[in-house]
Protein backbone atom coordinates (compact mmCIF):
# COMPACT_ATOMS: atom_id res chain seq x y z
CA UNK A 1 -34.85 11.49 48.66
CA UNK A 2 -35.32 8.97 51.43
CA UNK A 3 -39.31 8.82 50.10
CA UNK A 4 -37.94 9.06 46.53
CA UNK A 5 -35.40 5.93 46.68
CA UNK A 6 -37.99 4.14 48.75
CA UNK A 7 -35.94 4.20 52.04
CA UNK A 8 -38.54 5.30 53.84
CA UNK A 9 -41.35 3.04 52.93
CA UNK A 10 -45.34 4.03 52.45
CA UNK A 11 -46.87 3.18 56.49
CA UNK A 12 -50.29 1.46 56.77
CA UNK A 13 -53.16 3.73 56.26
CA UNK A 14 -55.05 2.12 58.98
CA UNK A 15 -54.12 0.28 62.28
CA UNK A 16 -55.68 -1.33 65.04
CA UNK A 17 -55.76 0.10 68.65
CA UNK A 18 -57.62 -1.24 71.25
CA UNK A 19 -59.30 -3.69 69.18
CA UNK A 20 -60.50 -0.68 67.24
CA UNK A 21 -59.39 0.33 63.94
CA UNK A 22 -58.14 3.58 63.49
CA UNK A 23 -56.08 6.32 60.76
CA UNK A 24 -52.70 5.54 61.29
CA UNK A 25 -51.04 8.90 62.23
CA UNK A 26 -47.42 7.93 60.47
CA UNK A 27 -49.60 7.32 57.14
CA UNK A 28 -50.61 10.90 57.43
CA UNK A 29 -47.42 12.45 57.99
CA UNK A 30 -45.50 10.44 55.10
CA UNK A 31 -48.53 11.09 52.67
CA UNK A 32 -48.31 15.08 53.40
CA UNK A 33 -44.47 14.91 52.77
CA UNK A 34 -44.92 12.62 49.90
CA UNK A 35 -47.53 14.68 48.09
CA UNK A 36 -45.49 17.79 48.68
CA UNK A 37 -42.30 15.89 47.04
CA UNK A 38 -44.92 14.78 44.20
CA UNK A 39 -45.94 18.30 43.54
CA UNK A 40 -42.40 19.70 43.29
CA UNK A 41 -41.39 17.35 40.55
CA UNK A 42 -44.38 17.55 38.51
CA UNK A 43 -43.77 21.23 38.81
CA UNK A 44 -40.30 20.86 37.63
CA UNK A 45 -41.25 18.63 34.40
CA UNK A 46 -42.36 20.14 30.61
CA UNK A 47 -45.50 19.08 29.45
CA UNK A 48 -44.08 16.76 26.88
CA UNK A 49 -42.33 14.39 29.87
CA UNK A 50 -45.49 15.19 32.53
CA UNK A 51 -47.53 13.40 29.63
CA UNK A 52 -45.53 10.35 30.03
CA UNK A 53 -46.00 10.05 34.16
CA UNK A 54 -49.83 10.52 34.25
CA UNK A 55 -51.74 8.31 36.67
CA UNK A 56 -48.88 7.99 39.27
CA UNK A 57 -49.64 9.02 42.71
CA UNK A 58 -46.26 8.99 44.73
CA UNK A 59 -43.05 10.72 44.19
CA UNK A 60 -41.75 7.25 44.24
CA UNK A 61 -43.83 5.88 41.20
CA UNK A 62 -43.21 8.75 39.26
CA UNK A 63 -39.51 9.03 40.08
CA UNK A 64 -39.06 5.26 38.84
CA UNK A 65 -40.94 5.75 35.80
CA UNK A 66 -38.76 9.13 34.88
CA UNK A 67 -35.66 7.00 35.32
CA UNK A 68 -36.85 4.18 32.98
CA UNK A 69 -38.00 6.71 30.65
CA UNK A 70 -34.17 8.92 30.86
CA UNK A 71 -32.54 5.65 30.79
CA UNK A 72 -33.40 4.61 27.57
CA UNK A 73 -33.24 7.91 26.08
CA UNK A 74 -29.68 8.21 27.89
CA UNK A 75 -28.61 4.87 26.16
CA UNK A 76 -29.78 6.41 22.50
CA UNK A 77 -27.94 9.84 23.43
CA UNK A 78 -25.01 8.13 24.58
CA UNK A 79 -25.10 6.08 20.99
CA UNK A 80 -25.53 8.93 19.09
CA UNK A 81 -22.66 10.94 20.55
CA UNK A 82 -20.46 8.45 20.32
CA UNK A 83 -21.66 7.83 16.60
CA UNK A 84 -20.63 11.95 15.93
CA UNK A 85 -17.24 11.23 17.83
CA UNK A 86 -16.48 8.44 16.16
CA UNK A 87 -17.25 9.96 12.50
CA UNK A 88 -15.87 13.36 13.12
CA UNK A 89 -15.01 15.33 10.62
CA UNK A 90 -12.84 18.75 9.90
CA UNK A 91 -14.33 18.90 6.15
CA UNK A 92 -14.70 23.07 5.53
CA UNK A 93 -14.95 24.02 9.02
CA UNK A 94 -11.79 26.18 10.54
CA UNK A 95 -9.62 24.30 13.24
CA UNK A 96 -10.62 26.19 16.10
CA UNK A 97 -14.44 25.43 15.25
CA UNK A 98 -13.51 21.83 14.39
CA UNK A 99 -12.08 21.27 17.69
CA UNK A 100 -14.78 23.17 19.86
CA UNK A 101 -16.92 20.58 18.00
CA UNK A 102 -14.88 17.49 19.16
CA UNK A 103 -15.20 19.36 22.69
CA UNK A 104 -18.74 19.64 22.59
CA UNK A 105 -19.51 16.06 22.00
CA UNK A 106 -16.87 14.91 24.89
CA UNK A 107 -18.60 17.13 27.41
CA UNK A 108 -21.75 15.86 26.16
CA UNK A 109 -20.84 12.52 26.92
CA UNK A 110 -19.19 12.99 30.48
CA UNK A 111 -22.65 15.10 31.15
CA UNK A 112 -24.38 11.55 30.60
CA UNK A 113 -22.08 9.55 32.68
CA UNK A 114 -20.08 8.24 29.45
CA UNK A 115 -16.24 9.62 30.04
CA UNK A 116 -14.31 9.46 26.97
CA UNK A 117 -10.14 9.14 27.79
CA UNK A 118 -7.67 11.43 26.42
CA UNK A 119 -6.15 9.06 24.14
CA UNK A 120 -9.49 8.07 22.35
CA UNK A 121 -10.35 11.85 22.04
CA UNK A 122 -7.14 12.87 20.27
CA UNK A 123 -7.64 9.64 17.75
CA UNK A 124 -10.79 10.66 16.70
CA UNK A 125 -9.73 14.16 16.28
CA UNK A 126 -6.83 13.19 13.99
CA UNK A 127 -8.80 10.73 12.20
CA UNK A 128 -11.02 13.58 11.11
CA UNK A 129 -8.58 15.23 9.44
CA UNK A 130 -8.05 15.51 5.82
CA UNK A 131 -4.63 14.68 3.55
CA UNK A 132 -3.55 18.60 4.10
CA UNK A 133 -2.81 17.25 7.94
CA UNK A 134 -1.50 13.89 6.70
CA UNK A 135 2.59 14.90 7.10
CA UNK A 136 1.74 15.79 10.73
CA UNK A 137 -0.82 13.45 11.60
CA UNK A 138 1.66 10.47 10.80
CA UNK A 139 4.03 11.08 13.38
CA UNK A 140 1.37 12.06 16.12
CA UNK A 141 -0.37 9.08 16.08
CA UNK A 142 2.89 6.90 16.62
CA UNK A 143 2.97 8.98 19.88
CA UNK A 144 -0.71 10.21 20.65
CA UNK A 145 0.13 8.88 24.52
CA UNK A 146 2.33 11.98 24.69
CA UNK A 147 0.46 14.54 24.32
CA UNK A 148 -2.91 16.09 25.46
CA UNK A 149 -6.08 17.72 24.15
CA UNK A 150 -4.66 20.63 24.75
CA UNK A 151 -1.24 20.32 23.15
CA UNK A 152 -2.65 18.91 20.10
CA UNK A 153 -5.12 21.83 19.76
CA UNK A 154 -1.92 23.79 19.70
CA UNK A 155 0.01 22.06 17.11
CA UNK A 156 -3.23 21.73 14.57
CA UNK A 157 -3.57 25.51 14.64
CA UNK A 158 -0.22 26.39 13.95
CA UNK A 159 -0.32 23.96 10.65
CA UNK A 160 -3.47 25.38 9.91
CA UNK A 161 -1.82 29.13 9.72
CA UNK A 162 1.32 27.57 7.96
CA UNK A 163 -1.33 25.75 5.23
CA UNK A 164 -3.08 29.34 4.88
CA UNK A 165 0.54 31.13 3.98
CA UNK A 166 1.61 28.44 1.68
CA UNK A 167 -1.56 28.72 -0.11
CA UNK A 168 -1.91 32.35 -0.58
CA UNK A 169 1.93 32.31 -1.81
CA UNK A 170 0.78 30.03 -4.64
CA UNK A 171 -2.10 32.13 -5.70
CA UNK A 172 0.06 35.36 -5.52
CA UNK A 173 2.33 33.49 -8.38
CA UNK A 174 -0.50 31.87 -10.57
CA UNK A 175 -1.10 35.09 -12.08
CA UNK A 176 2.28 35.12 -13.55
CA UNK A 177 2.41 31.67 -14.05
CA UNK A 178 -0.98 32.28 -16.59
CA UNK A 179 0.67 34.81 -18.64
CA UNK A 180 3.86 32.94 -19.07
CA UNK A 181 1.75 30.13 -20.38
CA UNK A 182 -0.62 32.49 -22.65
CA UNK A 183 2.41 33.87 -24.25
CA UNK A 184 4.21 30.70 -25.10
CA UNK A 185 0.53 29.57 -26.55
CA UNK A 186 0.64 32.46 -28.33
CA UNK A 187 4.18 31.78 -29.79
CA UNK A 188 2.83 28.42 -30.91
CA UNK A 189 -0.11 29.92 -32.76
CA UNK A 190 2.35 32.15 -34.77
CA UNK A 191 4.81 29.79 -35.25
CA UNK A 192 2.00 27.54 -36.69
CA UNK A 193 0.55 30.25 -38.51
CA UNK A 194 3.96 31.17 -40.00
CA UNK A 195 4.59 27.35 -41.25
CA UNK A 196 1.28 27.24 -42.83
CA UNK A 197 1.73 30.81 -44.72
CA UNK A 198 5.67 28.89 -46.31
CA UNK A 199 3.56 25.65 -47.23
CA UNK A 200 1.62 27.88 -49.86
CA UNK A 201 2.57 28.74 -53.38
CA UNK A 202 2.02 32.42 -53.26
CA UNK A 203 -1.67 32.04 -54.80
CA UNK A 204 -3.23 30.72 -51.78
CA UNK A 205 -2.89 27.24 -52.61
CA UNK A 206 -1.12 24.58 -50.76
CA UNK A 207 1.73 22.56 -51.84
CA UNK A 208 0.92 18.77 -52.82
CA UNK A 209 1.92 16.88 -49.61
CA UNK A 210 2.73 13.91 -52.23
CA UNK A 211 4.88 15.97 -54.50
CA UNK A 212 7.49 13.41 -55.82
CA UNK A 213 5.64 10.30 -54.76
CA UNK A 214 4.97 7.37 -57.36
CA UNK A 215 2.01 5.71 -57.36
CA UNK A 216 2.08 1.99 -56.67
CA UNK A 217 -0.68 1.32 -58.88
CA UNK A 218 -0.47 3.36 -62.12
CA UNK A 219 2.90 4.47 -61.86
CA UNK A 220 2.68 7.53 -62.19
CA UNK A 221 4.00 10.66 -59.90
CA UNK A 222 2.98 12.82 -57.11
CA UNK A 223 0.08 10.72 -55.89
CA UNK A 224 -0.38 7.79 -54.04
CA UNK A 225 -1.97 4.36 -54.58
CA UNK A 226 -4.85 5.76 -51.76
CA UNK A 227 -5.80 8.86 -53.89
CA UNK A 228 -5.19 6.74 -57.45
CA UNK A 229 -8.34 7.12 -59.97
CA UNK A 230 -7.37 3.46 -60.81
CA UNK A 231 -7.80 2.41 -57.44
CA UNK A 232 -11.04 0.44 -57.90
CA UNK A 233 -10.90 -0.15 -61.85
CA UNK A 234 -10.39 -3.69 -61.98
CA UNK A 235 -10.07 -3.46 -65.80
CA UNK A 236 -6.93 -0.86 -65.33
CA UNK A 237 -3.48 -2.15 -66.58
CA UNK A 238 -0.43 -0.56 -65.99
CA UNK A 239 2.22 0.07 -68.27
CA UNK A 240 5.02 -1.91 -68.29
CA UNK A 241 8.36 -0.13 -67.59
CA UNK A 242 11.16 -0.84 -70.00
CA UNK A 243 14.20 -3.67 -67.96
CA UNK A 244 16.39 -0.80 -68.77
CA UNK A 245 15.01 1.25 -66.54
CA UNK A 246 15.45 -0.94 -63.89
CA UNK A 247 19.29 -0.97 -65.14
CA UNK A 248 21.90 0.99 -62.88
CA UNK A 249 24.13 2.96 -65.40
CA UNK A 250 27.59 3.20 -65.07
CA UNK A 251 30.33 5.34 -66.18
CA UNK A 252 33.33 4.67 -67.75
CA UNK A 253 36.31 4.37 -65.21
CA UNK A 254 39.19 6.17 -66.50
CA UNK A 255 42.40 6.11 -64.44
CA UNK A 256 44.44 9.51 -65.00
CA UNK A 257 47.56 8.52 -62.87
CA UNK A 258 51.13 8.02 -64.08
CA UNK A 259 52.78 4.89 -63.28
CA UNK A 260 57.12 4.99 -63.38
CA UNK A 261 58.41 1.70 -65.27
CA UNK A 262 57.39 -1.28 -63.09
CA UNK A 263 59.29 -3.74 -65.05
CA UNK A 264 56.76 -5.53 -66.54
CA UNK A 265 56.36 -6.75 -69.77
CA UNK A 266 53.01 -5.43 -70.31
CA UNK A 267 50.65 -2.71 -69.05
CA UNK A 268 46.86 -1.86 -69.88
CA UNK A 269 45.81 1.81 -69.45
CA UNK A 270 42.92 3.68 -70.82
CA UNK A 271 45.04 6.79 -72.08
CA UNK A 272 47.96 6.19 -74.02
CA UNK A 273 49.21 9.64 -73.02
CA UNK A 274 50.20 8.82 -69.94
CA UNK A 275 53.19 6.43 -71.17
CA UNK A 276 56.52 7.90 -72.26
CA UNK A 277 56.96 4.50 -74.49
CA UNK A 278 53.66 3.02 -75.90
CA UNK A 279 52.60 0.68 -78.47
CA UNK A 280 49.00 -0.23 -78.93
CA UNK A 281 48.04 -4.01 -77.94
CA UNK A 282 47.01 -6.30 -80.68
CA UNK A 283 45.46 -9.41 -80.07
CA UNK A 284 47.98 -12.60 -80.72
């Protein structure tokens, strides 16, 4: 690694010895080892990455190019993984698959040097659950620092089993409920049919719903002003009713009670037979 990270620098290719220029033996040794490392690095690269380092002749130059290349890709990878973790949603996944997905993102972030705390991981996992888990999530968020990811896994898995049990129980009662509703609907239809039969006059004709109603226009019976033929007749004049029609008729009031002698000088009574001693009243 000393060659790759630059700890051992490249020696001069030519040196002067006894006034003459000669090849530097240290350079020859360095070049031999450096080319060995260069070939080893290039052989481990894929074709796509290899195309990014064409033209570099030393192991250090290739290594620096790879560091720059993957540094930018690592940042993009970290951003993508954190985005997936923040927007984690359970949707139609089972609880086991959902938690495995969260754990995989967590491990991938750790692999590129981006550590996520246990507190953050639990927050993201709980935030991605649907309304079915609201009764469990609310108390957990208040005490999220007291739990580990493993303990959260057990609680969420057990809650999923409970939801499945209650859903199955509800579905088992559903056919009975539908049957009761159907019977009730049939009963309502039967009663409605009977009521319609009662309103018919035996000849298949329905009774007049305005039977006995008095028209405000023509004053005739068995219809209203809305159905009156004279409704739009500007020349129509209704017959005037006799004032006696609107006069209340009060029958004679006869008191058949027997009265004892009250000591009065005169009595007025409808029937003289109700008195023992009687004489007709005559005007003075």
